[in-house]
Amino acid sequence: FAENTETTIGLAHKVHQWFSFLGEEFI
């Protein structure tokens, strides 16, 4: 959730990247 579409998409993309690659070892 964010105040506008651009910020919301950007943050969703960061979390998506975390699951796709960045958080792999922690998971």
PDB file of all heavy atoms in Angstrom:
ATOM      1  N   PHE A   1       0.851  -1.185   0.000  1.00  0.00           N
ATOM      2  CA  PHE A   1       0.000   0.000   0.000  1.00  0.00           C
ATOM      3  C   PHE A   1       0.892   1.242   0.000  1.00  0.00           C
ATOM      4  O   PHE A   1       1.877   1.293   0.740  1.00  0.00           O
ATOM      5  CB  PHE A   1      -0.873   0.039   1.254  1.00  0.00           C
ATOM      6  CG  PHE A   1      -1.817  -1.116   1.376  1.00  0.00           C
ATOM      7  CD1 PHE A   1      -1.363  -2.375   1.761  1.00  0.00           C
ATOM      8  CD2 PHE A   1      -3.165  -0.948   1.114  1.00  0.00           C
ATOM      9  CE1 PHE A   1      -2.235  -3.444   1.888  1.00  0.00           C
ATOM     10  CE2 PHE A   1      -4.048  -2.023   1.229  1.00  0.00           C
ATOM     11  CZ  PHE A   1      -3.583  -3.266   1.618  1.00  0.00           C
ATOM     12  N   ALA A   2       0.532   2.245  -0.808  1.00  0.00           N
ATOM     13  CA  ALA A   2       1.256   3.518  -0.807  1.00  0.00           C
ATOM     14  C   ALA A   2       0.307   4.624  -1.267  1.00  0.00           C
ATOM     15  O   ALA A   2      -0.846   4.361  -1.613  1.00  0.00           O
ATOM     16  CB  ALA A   2       2.498   3.438  -1.689  1.00  0.00           C
ATOM     17  N   GLU A   3       0.807   5.841  -1.283  1.00  0.00           N
ATOM     18  CA  GLU A   3      -0.010   7.023  -1.592  1.00  0.00           C
ATOM     19  C   GLU A   3      -0.314   7.187  -3.084  1.00  0.00           C
ATOM     20  O   GLU A   3      -1.231   7.909  -3.442  1.00  0.00           O
ATOM     21  CB  GLU A   3       0.688   8.291  -1.088  1.00  0.00           C
ATOM     22  CG  GLU A   3       0.833   8.344   0.430  1.00  0.00           C
ATOM     23  CD  GLU A   3      -0.503   8.473   1.158  1.00  0.00           C
ATOM     24  OE1 GLU A   3      -1.458   9.031   0.586  1.00  0.00           O
ATOM     25  OE2 GLU A   3      -0.580   7.999   2.305  1.00  0.00           O
ATOM     26  N   ASN A   4       0.493   6.543  -3.944  1.00  0.00           N
ATOM     27  CA  ASN A   4       0.254   6.679  -5.382  1.00  0.00           C
ATOM     28  C   ASN A   4       0.675   5.391  -6.088  1.00  0.00           C
ATOM     29  O   ASN A   4       1.365   4.550  -5.510  1.00  0.00           O
ATOM     30  CB  ASN A   4       0.969   7.901  -5.960  1.00  0.00           C
ATOM     31  CG  ASN A   4       2.464   7.840  -5.720  1.00  0.00           C
ATOM     32  OD1 ASN A   4       3.129   6.883  -6.111  1.00  0.00           O
ATOM     33  ND2 ASN A   4       2.998   8.867  -5.060  1.00  0.00           N
ATOM     34  N   THR A   5       0.266   5.272  -7.321  1.00  0.00           N
ATOM     35  CA  THR A   5       0.524   4.057  -8.096  1.00  0.00           C
ATOM     36  C   THR A   5       2.015   3.791  -8.272  1.00  0.00           C
ATOM     37  O   THR A   5       2.473   2.659  -8.090  1.00  0.00           O
ATOM     38  CB  THR A   5      -0.147   4.158  -9.484  1.00  0.00           C
ATOM     39  OG1 THR A   5      -1.548   4.305  -9.298  1.00  0.00           O
ATOM     40  CG2 THR A   5       0.107   2.922 -10.325  1.00  0.00           C
ATOM     41  N   GLU A   6       2.792   4.819  -8.597  1.00  0.00           N
ATOM     42  CA  GLU A   6       4.220   4.637  -8.884  1.00  0.00           C
ATOM     43  C   GLU A   6       4.968   4.098  -7.666  1.00  0.00           C
ATOM     44  O   GLU A   6       5.764   3.159  -7.774  1.00  0.00           O
ATOM     45  CB  GLU A   6       4.849   5.959  -9.344  1.00  0.00           C
ATOM     46  CG  GLU A   6       4.355   6.450 -10.690  1.00  0.00           C
ATOM     47  CD  GLU A   6       2.978   7.124 -10.628  1.00  0.00           C
ATOM     48  OE1 GLU A   6       2.492   7.447  -9.511  1.00  0.00           O
ATOM     49  OE2 GLU A   6       2.378   7.307 -11.697  1.00  0.00           O
ATOM     50  N   THR A   7       4.732   4.681  -6.501  1.00  0.00           N
ATOM     51  CA  THR A   7       5.395   4.232  -5.271  1.00  0.00           C
ATOM     52  C   THR A   7       4.967   2.815  -4.927  1.00  0.00           C
ATOM     53  O   THR A   7       5.789   1.984  -4.547  1.00  0.00           O
ATOM     54  CB  THR A   7       5.073   5.191  -4.095  1.00  0.00           C
ATOM     55  OG1 THR A   7       5.463   6.518  -4.467  1.00  0.00           O
ATOM     56  CG2 THR A   7       5.798   4.778  -2.837  1.00  0.00           C
ATOM     57  N   THR A   8       3.689   2.526  -5.087  1.00  0.00           N
ATOM     58  CA  THR A   8       3.168   1.197  -4.769  1.00  0.00           C
ATOM     59  C   THR A   8       3.805   0.137  -5.661  1.00  0.00           C
ATOM     60  O   THR A   8       4.271  -0.900  -5.176  1.00  0.00           O
ATOM     61  CB  THR A   8       1.637   1.166  -4.925  1.00  0.00           C
ATOM     62  OG1 THR A   8       1.073   2.267  -4.213  1.00  0.00           O
ATOM     63  CG2 THR A   8       1.055  -0.115  -4.375  1.00  0.00           C
ATOM     64  N   ILE A   9       3.862   0.399  -6.952  1.00  0.00           N
ATOM     65  CA  ILE A   9       4.480  -0.549  -7.885  1.00  0.00           C
ATOM     66  C   ILE A   9       5.960  -0.726  -7.560  1.00  0.00           C
ATOM     67  O   ILE A   9       6.474  -1.853  -7.540  1.00  0.00           O
ATOM     68  CB  ILE A   9       4.289  -0.093  -9.347  1.00  0.00           C
ATOM     69  CG1 ILE A   9       2.817  -0.197  -9.744  1.00  0.00           C
ATOM     70  CG2 ILE A   9       5.156  -0.917 -10.301  1.00  0.00           C
ATOM     71  CD1 ILE A   9       2.490   0.412 -11.097  1.00  0.00           C
ATOM     72  N   GLY A  10       6.660   0.371  -7.289  1.00  0.00           N
ATOM     73  CA  GLY A  10       8.085   0.303  -6.976  1.00  0.00           C
ATOM     74  C   GLY A  10       8.378  -0.537  -5.747  1.00  0.00           C
ATOM     75  O   GLY A  10       9.287  -1.380  -5.746  1.00  0.00           O
ATOM     76  N   LEU A  11       7.590  -0.350  -4.681  1.00  0.00           N
ATOM     77  CA  LEU A  11       7.792  -1.128  -3.460  1.00  0.00           C
ATOM     78  C   LEU A  11       7.404  -2.590  -3.656  1.00  0.00           C
ATOM     79  O   LEU A  11       8.079  -3.494  -3.158  1.00  0.00           O
ATOM     80  CB  LEU A  11       7.018  -0.505  -2.298  1.00  0.00           C
ATOM     81  CG  LEU A  11       7.578   0.822  -1.787  1.00  0.00           C
ATOM     82  CD1 LEU A  11       6.609   1.474  -0.812  1.00  0.00           C
ATOM     83  CD2 LEU A  11       8.942   0.623  -1.144  1.00  0.00           C
ATOM     84  N   ALA A  12       6.325  -2.826  -4.393  1.00  0.00           N
ATOM     85  CA  ALA A  12       5.919  -4.211  -4.679  1.00  0.00           C
ATOM     86  C   ALA A  12       7.021  -4.909  -5.467  1.00  0.00           C
ATOM     87  O   ALA A  12       7.329  -6.086  -5.210  1.00  0.00           O
ATOM     88  CB  ALA A  12       4.605  -4.237  -5.456  1.00  0.00           C
ATOM     89  N   HIS A  13       7.651  -4.190  -6.378  1.00  0.00           N
ATOM     90  CA  HIS A  13       8.741  -4.768  -7.163  1.00  0.00           C
ATOM     91  C   HIS A  13       9.933  -5.114  -6.268  1.00  0.00           C
ATOM     92  O   HIS A  13      10.566  -6.163  -6.441  1.00  0.00           O
ATOM     93  CB  HIS A  13       9.155  -3.813  -8.285  1.00  0.00           C
ATOM     94  CG  HIS A  13      10.127  -4.408  -9.235  1.00  0.00           C
ATOM     95  ND1 HIS A  13      11.433  -3.996  -9.308  1.00  0.00           N
ATOM     96  CD2 HIS A  13       9.994  -5.415 -10.146  1.00  0.00           C
ATOM     97  CE1 HIS A  13      12.060  -4.717 -10.211  1.00  0.00           C
ATOM     98  NE2 HIS A  13      11.214  -5.585 -10.737  1.00  0.00           N
ATOM     99  N   LYS A  14      10.251  -4.260  -5.292  1.00  0.00           N
ATOM    100  CA  LYS A  14      11.354  -4.549  -4.366  1.00  0.00           C
ATOM    101  C   LYS A  14      11.086  -5.814  -3.550  1.00  0.00           C
ATOM    102  O   LYS A  14      11.964  -6.652  -3.370  1.00  0.00           O
ATOM    103  CB  LYS A  14      11.586  -3.370  -3.412  1.00  0.00           C
ATOM    104  CG  LYS A  14      12.344  -2.227  -4.004  1.00  0.00           C
ATOM    105  CD  LYS A  14      12.616  -1.183  -2.940  1.00  0.00           C
ATOM    106  CE  LYS A  14      13.487  -0.075  -3.483  1.00  0.00           C
ATOM    107  NZ  LYS A  14      13.812   0.911  -2.457  1.00  0.00           N
ATOM    108  N   VAL A  15       9.858  -5.961  -3.057  1.00  0.00           N
ATOM    109  CA  VAL A  15       9.509  -7.152  -2.282  1.00  0.00           C
ATOM    110  C   VAL A  15       9.531  -8.386  -3.192  1.00  0.00           C
ATOM    111  O   VAL A  15      10.016  -9.447  -2.806  1.00  0.00           O
ATOM    112  CB  VAL A  15       8.133  -6.991  -1.570  1.00  0.00           C
ATOM    113  CG1 VAL A  15       7.746  -8.266  -0.841  1.00  0.00           C
ATOM    114  CG2 VAL A  15       8.162  -5.813  -0.603  1.00  0.00           C
ATOM    115  N   HIS A  16       9.054  -8.227  -4.412  1.00  0.00           N
ATOM    116  CA  HIS A  16       9.075  -9.312  -5.399  1.00  0.00           C
ATOM    117  C   HIS A  16      10.517  -9.762  -5.668  1.00  0.00           C
ATOM    118  O   HIS A  16      10.807 -10.962  -5.696  1.00  0.00           O
ATOM    119  CB  HIS A  16       8.401  -8.831  -6.686  1.00  0.00           C
ATOM    120  CG  HIS A  16       8.078  -9.904  -7.658  1.00  0.00           C
ATOM    121  ND1 HIS A  16       8.985 -10.360  -8.597  1.00  0.00           N
ATOM    122  CD2 HIS A  16       6.941 -10.626  -7.848  1.00  0.00           C
ATOM    123  CE1 HIS A  16       8.420 -11.297  -9.328  1.00  0.00           C
ATOM    124  NE2 HIS A  16       7.181 -11.484  -8.897  1.00  0.00           N
ATOM    125  N   GLN A  17      11.426  -8.802  -5.829  1.00  0.00           N
ATOM    126  CA  GLN A  17      12.842  -9.118  -6.043  1.00  0.00           C
ATOM    127  C   GLN A  17      13.424  -9.863  -4.853  1.00  0.00           C
ATOM    128  O   GLN A  17      14.248 -10.761  -5.011  1.00  0.00           O
ATOM    129  CB  GLN A  17      13.652  -7.839  -6.286  1.00  0.00           C
ATOM    130  CG  GLN A  17      13.427  -7.209  -7.630  1.00  0.00           C
ATOM    131  CD  GLN A  17      14.184  -5.901  -7.755  1.00  0.00           C
ATOM    132  OE1 GLN A  17      14.284  -5.130  -6.815  1.00  0.00           O
ATOM    133  NE2 GLN A  17      14.720  -5.658  -8.946  1.00  0.00           N
ATOM    134  N   TRP A  18      12.999  -9.473  -3.643  1.00  0.00           N
ATOM    135  CA  TRP A  18      13.495 -10.132  -2.437  1.00  0.00           C
ATOM    136  C   TRP A  18      13.164 -11.623  -2.497  1.00  0.00           C
ATOM    137  O   TRP A  18      13.994 -12.464  -2.195  1.00  0.00           O
ATOM    138  CB  TRP A  18      12.895  -9.479  -1.189  1.00  0.00           C
ATOM    139  CG  TRP A  18      13.577  -9.894   0.064  1.00  0.00           C
ATOM    140  CD1 TRP A  18      14.653  -9.310   0.652  1.00  0.00           C
ATOM    141  CD2 TRP A  18      13.233 -11.005   0.914  1.00  0.00           C
ATOM    142  NE1 TRP A  18      15.014  -9.981   1.796  1.00  0.00           N
ATOM    143  CE2 TRP A  18      14.159 -11.030   1.980  1.00  0.00           C
ATOM    144  CE3 TRP A  18      12.250 -11.983   0.864  1.00  0.00           C
ATOM    145  CZ2 TRP A  18      14.117 -11.985   2.984  1.00  0.00           C
ATOM    146  CZ3 TRP A  18      12.212 -12.934   1.864  1.00  0.00           C
ATOM    147  CH2 TRP A  18      13.138 -12.935   2.914  1.00  0.00           C
ATOM    148  N   PHE A  19      11.940 -11.947  -2.894  1.00  0.00           N
ATOM    149  CA  PHE A  19      11.539 -13.356  -2.991  1.00  0.00           C
ATOM    150  C   PHE A  19      12.171 -14.054  -4.193  1.00  0.00           C
ATOM    151  O   PHE A  19      12.479 -15.238  -4.138  1.00  0.00           O
ATOM    152  CB  PHE A  19      10.022 -13.500  -3.039  1.00  0.00           C
ATOM    153  CG  PHE A  19       9.383 -13.345  -1.706  1.00  0.00           C
ATOM    154  CD1 PHE A  19       8.680 -12.199  -1.387  1.00  0.00           C
ATOM    155  CD2 PHE A  19       9.507 -14.340  -0.746  1.00  0.00           C
ATOM    156  CE1 PHE A  19       8.105 -12.054  -0.139  1.00  0.00           C
ATOM    157  CE2 PHE A  19       8.933 -14.198   0.504  1.00  0.00           C
ATOM    158  CZ  PHE A  19       8.232 -13.045   0.804  1.00  0.00           C
ATOM    159  N   SER A  20      12.361 -13.339  -5.275  1.00  0.00           N
ATOM    160  CA  SER A  20      12.911 -13.940  -6.486  1.00  0.00           C
ATOM    161  C   SER A  20      14.400 -14.250  -6.371  1.00  0.00           C
ATOM    162  O   SER A  20      14.879 -15.189  -6.993  1.00  0.00           O
ATOM    163  CB  SER A  20      12.697 -13.013  -7.683  1.00  0.00           C
ATOM    164  OG  SER A  20      11.325 -12.839  -7.912  1.00  0.00           O
ATOM    165  N   PHE A  21      15.148 -13.447  -5.556  1.00  0.00           N
ATOM    166  CA  PHE A  21      16.586 -13.648  -5.522  1.00  0.00           C
ATOM    167  C   PHE A  21      17.248 -13.215  -4.211  1.00  0.00           C
ATOM    168  O   PHE A  21      17.982 -13.994  -3.597  1.00  0.00           O
ATOM    169  CB  PHE A  21      17.227 -12.890  -6.701  1.00  0.00           C
ATOM    170  CG  PHE A  21      18.715 -13.019  -6.759  1.00  0.00           C
ATOM    171  CD1 PHE A  21      19.317 -14.230  -7.084  1.00  0.00           C
ATOM    172  CD2 PHE A  21      19.524 -11.935  -6.482  1.00  0.00           C
ATOM    173  CE1 PHE A  21      20.701 -14.343  -7.128  1.00  0.00           C
ATOM    174  CE2 PHE A  21      20.903 -12.044  -6.525  1.00  0.00           C
ATOM    175  CZ  PHE A  21      21.494 -13.254  -6.859  1.00  0.00           C
ATOM    176  N   LEU A  22      17.005 -11.993  -3.775  1.00  0.00           N
ATOM    177  CA  LEU A  22      17.766 -11.414  -2.658  1.00  0.00           C
ATOM    178  C   LEU A  22      17.595 -12.162  -1.340  1.00  0.00           C
ATOM    179  O   LEU A  22      18.542 -12.277  -0.562  1.00  0.00           O
ATOM    180  CB  LEU A  22      17.395  -9.935  -2.483  1.00  0.00           C
ATOM    181  CG  LEU A  22      17.670  -9.057  -3.709  1.00  0.00           C
ATOM    182  CD1 LEU A  22      17.106  -7.661  -3.508  1.00  0.00           C
ATOM    183  CD2 LEU A  22      19.158  -9.004  -4.010  1.00  0.00           C
ATOM    184  N   GLY A  23      16.413 -12.695  -1.061  1.00  0.00           N
ATOM    185  CA  GLY A  23      16.158 -13.377   0.204  1.00  0.00           C
ATOM    186  C   GLY A  23      16.300 -14.880   0.151  1.00  0.00           C
ATOM    187  O   GLY A  23      15.971 -15.577   1.115  1.00  0.00           O
ATOM    188  N   GLU A  24      16.796 -15.388  -0.964  1.00  0.00           N
ATOM    189  CA  GLU A  24      16.849 -16.833  -1.192  1.00  0.00           C
ATOM    190  C   GLU A  24      17.563 -17.599  -0.069  1.00  0.00           C
ATOM    191  O   GLU A  24      17.061 -18.605   0.430  1.00  0.00           O
ATOM    192  CB  GLU A  24      17.540 -17.109  -2.525  1.00  0.00           C
ATOM    193  CG  GLU A  24      17.587 -18.561  -2.918  1.00  0.00           C
ATOM    194  CD  GLU A  24      18.255 -18.767  -4.272  1.00  0.00           C
ATOM    195  OE1 GLU A  24      19.060 -17.908  -4.686  1.00  0.00           O
ATOM    196  OE2 GLU A  24      17.957 -19.790  -4.891  1.00  0.00           O
ATOM    197  N   GLU A  25      18.713 -17.116   0.356  1.00  0.00           N
ATOM    198  CA  GLU A  25      19.477 -17.809   1.397  1.00  0.00           C
ATOM    199  C   GLU A  25      18.734 -17.778   2.733  1.00  0.00           C
ATOM    200  O   GLU A  25      18.640 -18.790   3.432  1.00  0.00           O
ATOM    201  CB  GLU A  25      20.857 -17.166   1.551  1.00  0.00           C
ATOM    202  CG  GLU A  25      21.780 -17.939   2.473  1.00  0.00           C
ATOM    203  CD  GLU A  25      23.175 -17.343   2.494  1.00  0.00           C
ATOM    204  OE1 GLU A  25      23.685 -16.975   1.419  1.00  0.00           O
ATOM    205  OE2 GLU A  25      23.733 -17.241   3.595  1.00  0.00           O
ATOM    206  N   PHE A  26      18.171 -16.616   3.084  1.00  0.00           N
ATOM    207  CA  PHE A  26      17.427 -16.507   4.340  1.00  0.00           C
ATOM    208  C   PHE A  26      16.219 -17.438   4.334  1.00  0.00           C
ATOM    209  O   PHE A  26      15.931 -18.101   5.338  1.00  0.00           O
ATOM    210  CB  PHE A  26      16.981 -15.062   4.589  1.00  0.00           C
ATOM    211  CG  PHE A  26      16.295 -14.885   5.906  1.00  0.00           C
ATOM    212  CD1 PHE A  26      17.034 -14.709   7.059  1.00  0.00           C
ATOM    213  CD2 PHE A  26      14.911 -14.939   6.008  1.00  0.00           C
ATOM    214  CE1 PHE A  26      16.406 -14.568   8.294  1.00  0.00           C
ATOM    215  CE2 PHE A  26      14.278 -14.804   7.225  1.00  0.00           C
ATOM    216  CZ  PHE A  26      15.035 -14.619   8.376  1.00  0.00           C
ATOM    217  N   ILE A  27      15.519 -17.511   3.218  1.00  0.00           N
ATOM    218  CA  ILE A  27      14.347 -18.379   3.093  1.00  0.00           C
ATOM    219  C   ILE A  27      14.746 -19.839   3.311  1.00  0.00           C
ATOM    220  O   ILE A  27      14.088 -20.579   4.035  1.00  0.00           O
ATOM    221  CB  ILE A  27      13.677 -18.182   1.715  1.00  0.00           C
ATOM    222  CG1 ILE A  27      13.080 -16.779   1.628  1.00  0.00           C
ATOM    223  CG2 ILE A  27      12.613 -19.244   1.459  1.00  0.00           C
ATOM    224  CD1 ILE A  27      12.717 -16.342   0.217  1.00  0.00           C
TER     225      ILE A  27
END
